[in-house]
Amino acid sequence: MRLIDAEATIIEDLKDESDIVAEKSVAGVTVYTARHPTLGKLVIVKAPNGSGILVEIDE
């Protein structure tokens, strides 16, 4: 697994390119589980300001 800091534009691009499997929000933080066509399984954590963290899952 890898943790990657991501700007708001990267977060939105990855969400648009991915098949979102699940979404959960609490206290302004939103977590998405997704399948990306080239990156594979991802967890996207979006902060209230739009930036966030990308978790790339090894298959």
N, C-alpha and C. Protein backbone atom coordinates (compact mmCIF):
# COMPACT_ATOMS: atom_id res chain seq x y z
N MET A 1 0.84 -1.18 0.00
CA MET A 1 0.00 0.00 0.00
C MET A 1 0.88 1.24 0.00
N ARG A 2 0.37 2.28 -0.62
CA ARG A 2 1.06 3.57 -0.62
C ARG A 2 0.08 4.67 -0.25
N LEU A 3 0.55 5.65 0.52
CA LEU A 3 -0.22 6.83 0.86
C LEU A 3 0.34 8.00 0.07
N ILE A 4 -0.54 8.74 -0.61
CA ILE A 4 -0.11 9.84 -1.47
C ILE A 4 -0.96 11.07 -1.16
N ASP A 5 -0.31 12.19 -0.86
CA ASP A 5 -1.04 13.45 -0.70
C ASP A 5 -1.57 13.87 -2.07
N ALA A 6 -2.79 14.40 -2.11
CA ALA A 6 -3.39 14.77 -3.39
C ALA A 6 -4.11 16.10 -3.28
N GLU A 7 -3.90 16.95 -4.29
CA GLU A 7 -4.61 18.22 -4.38
C GLU A 7 -6.05 17.97 -4.80
N ALA A 8 -6.88 18.98 -4.64
CA ALA A 8 -8.31 18.86 -4.94
C ALA A 8 -8.56 18.42 -6.38
N THR A 9 -7.80 18.96 -7.34
CA THR A 9 -8.03 18.59 -8.75
C THR A 9 -7.71 17.12 -9.00
N ILE A 10 -6.68 16.61 -8.35
CA ILE A 10 -6.33 15.18 -8.49
C ILE A 10 -7.44 14.31 -7.91
N ILE A 11 -7.93 14.69 -6.73
CA ILE A 11 -9.01 13.93 -6.09
C ILE A 11 -10.23 13.86 -7.01
N GLU A 12 -10.63 15.00 -7.55
CA GLU A 12 -11.82 15.03 -8.43
C GLU A 12 -11.59 14.23 -9.71
N ASP A 13 -10.40 14.35 -10.31
CA ASP A 13 -10.09 13.59 -11.52
C ASP A 13 -10.15 12.09 -11.27
N LEU A 14 -9.57 11.65 -10.17
CA LEU A 14 -9.59 10.22 -9.85
C LEU A 14 -11.00 9.72 -9.59
N LYS A 15 -11.81 10.53 -8.90
CA LYS A 15 -13.21 10.14 -8.67
C LYS A 15 -13.95 10.00 -9.99
N ASP A 16 -13.72 10.94 -10.92
CA ASP A 16 -14.41 10.91 -12.21
C ASP A 16 -13.98 9.71 -13.06
N GLU A 17 -12.70 9.34 -12.96
CA GLU A 17 -12.16 8.25 -13.78
C GLU A 17 -12.44 6.87 -13.19
N SER A 18 -12.85 6.81 -11.94
CA SER A 18 -12.99 5.53 -11.24
C SER A 18 -14.45 5.11 -11.11
N ASP A 19 -14.62 3.82 -10.87
CA ASP A 19 -15.93 3.27 -10.52
C ASP A 19 -16.00 3.30 -9.00
N ILE A 20 -16.83 4.18 -8.44
CA ILE A 20 -16.95 4.32 -6.99
C ILE A 20 -17.75 3.14 -6.45
N VAL A 21 -17.15 2.38 -5.53
CA VAL A 21 -17.78 1.21 -4.95
C VAL A 21 -18.60 1.59 -3.73
N ALA A 22 -18.04 2.47 -2.88
CA ALA A 22 -18.75 2.90 -1.66
C ALA A 22 -18.29 4.30 -1.29
N GLU A 23 -19.14 5.00 -0.54
CA GLU A 23 -18.85 6.36 -0.10
C GLU A 23 -19.40 6.55 1.31
N LYS A 24 -18.61 7.17 2.18
CA LYS A 24 -19.03 7.41 3.56
C LYS A 24 -18.46 8.75 4.01
N SER A 25 -19.31 9.58 4.63
CA SER A 25 -18.89 10.89 5.12
C SER A 25 -19.13 11.00 6.61
N VAL A 26 -18.19 11.68 7.30
CA VAL A 26 -18.34 11.98 8.71
C VAL A 26 -17.48 13.21 9.01
N ALA A 27 -18.06 14.15 9.73
CA ALA A 27 -17.35 15.37 10.17
C ALA A 27 -16.66 16.09 9.01
N GLY A 28 -17.28 16.11 7.85
CA GLY A 28 -16.73 16.83 6.71
C GLY A 28 -15.71 16.06 5.89
N VAL A 29 -15.30 14.90 6.36
CA VAL A 29 -14.33 14.07 5.63
C VAL A 29 -15.11 12.97 4.90
N THR A 30 -14.82 12.81 3.61
CA THR A 30 -15.49 11.79 2.81
C THR A 30 -14.47 10.76 2.35
N VAL A 31 -14.82 9.49 2.51
CA VAL A 31 -13.96 8.38 2.10
C VAL A 31 -14.68 7.61 0.99
N TYR A 32 -13.95 7.38 -0.10
CA TYR A 32 -14.48 6.63 -1.24
C TYR A 32 -13.62 5.39 -1.43
N THR A 33 -14.25 4.26 -1.70
CA THR A 33 -13.52 3.09 -2.19
C THR A 33 -13.84 3.02 -3.67
N ALA A 34 -12.81 2.75 -4.47
CA ALA A 34 -13.00 2.85 -5.91
C ALA A 34 -12.11 1.86 -6.65
N ARG A 35 -12.50 1.61 -7.91
CA ARG A 35 -11.68 0.80 -8.82
C ARG A 35 -11.34 1.71 -10.01
N HIS A 36 -10.04 1.94 -10.18
CA HIS A 36 -9.55 2.78 -11.27
C HIS A 36 -9.08 1.88 -12.40
N PRO A 37 -9.30 2.27 -13.68
CA PRO A 37 -8.93 1.38 -14.79
C PRO A 37 -7.44 1.03 -14.87
N THR A 38 -6.55 1.94 -14.45
CA THR A 38 -5.12 1.64 -14.52
C THR A 38 -4.46 1.50 -13.16
N LEU A 39 -4.96 2.19 -12.15
CA LEU A 39 -4.36 2.13 -10.82
C LEU A 39 -4.90 1.00 -9.96
N GLY A 40 -6.03 0.43 -10.35
CA GLY A 40 -6.63 -0.66 -9.58
C GLY A 40 -7.44 -0.16 -8.40
N LYS A 41 -7.34 -0.87 -7.28
CA LYS A 41 -8.13 -0.54 -6.09
C LYS A 41 -7.56 0.69 -5.40
N LEU A 42 -8.45 1.64 -5.08
CA LEU A 42 -8.06 2.88 -4.42
C LEU A 42 -8.98 3.18 -3.25
N VAL A 43 -8.44 3.86 -2.26
CA VAL A 43 -9.23 4.51 -1.23
C VAL A 43 -8.90 5.99 -1.34
N ILE A 44 -9.92 6.81 -1.52
CA ILE A 44 -9.75 8.25 -1.67
C ILE A 44 -10.34 8.91 -0.45
N VAL A 45 -9.53 9.71 0.25
CA VAL A 45 -9.98 10.43 1.44
C VAL A 45 -10.00 11.90 1.09
N LYS A 46 -11.18 12.51 1.13
CA LYS A 46 -11.35 13.91 0.74
C LYS A 46 -11.65 14.76 1.96
N ALA A 47 -10.80 15.76 2.20
CA ALA A 47 -10.97 16.69 3.32
C ALA A 47 -11.99 17.77 2.96
N PRO A 48 -12.49 18.51 3.94
CA PRO A 48 -13.47 19.56 3.65
C PRO A 48 -12.97 20.61 2.65
N ASN A 49 -11.66 20.85 2.58
CA ASN A 49 -11.14 21.85 1.64
C ASN A 49 -10.94 21.29 0.23
N GLY A 50 -11.28 20.02 0.00
CA GLY A 50 -11.19 19.41 -1.32
C GLY A 50 -9.93 18.60 -1.55
N SER A 51 -8.86 18.91 -0.82
CA SER A 51 -7.64 18.12 -0.97
C SER A 51 -7.81 16.82 -0.20
N GLY A 52 -6.79 15.96 -0.26
CA GLY A 52 -6.96 14.71 0.47
C GLY A 52 -5.78 13.78 0.36
N ILE A 53 -6.07 12.52 0.58
CA ILE A 53 -5.07 11.46 0.56
C ILE A 53 -5.59 10.33 -0.32
N LEU A 54 -4.70 9.80 -1.11
CA LEU A 54 -5.01 8.65 -1.96
C LEU A 54 -4.28 7.45 -1.38
N VAL A 55 -5.00 6.35 -1.20
CA VAL A 55 -4.39 5.10 -0.74
C VAL A 55 -4.46 4.13 -1.91
N GLU A 56 -3.28 3.77 -2.42
CA GLU A 56 -3.20 2.83 -3.52
C GLU A 56 -3.01 1.43 -2.92
N ILE A 57 -3.92 0.52 -3.23
CA ILE A 57 -3.92 -0.83 -2.66
C ILE A 57 -3.24 -1.79 -3.63
N ASP A 58 -2.27 -2.55 -3.12
CA ASP A 58 -1.63 -3.57 -3.95
C ASP A 58 -2.61 -4.72 -4.15
N GLU A 59 -2.63 -5.25 -5.35
CA GLU A 59 -3.53 -6.37 -5.66
C GLU A 59 -2.94 -7.67 -5.20
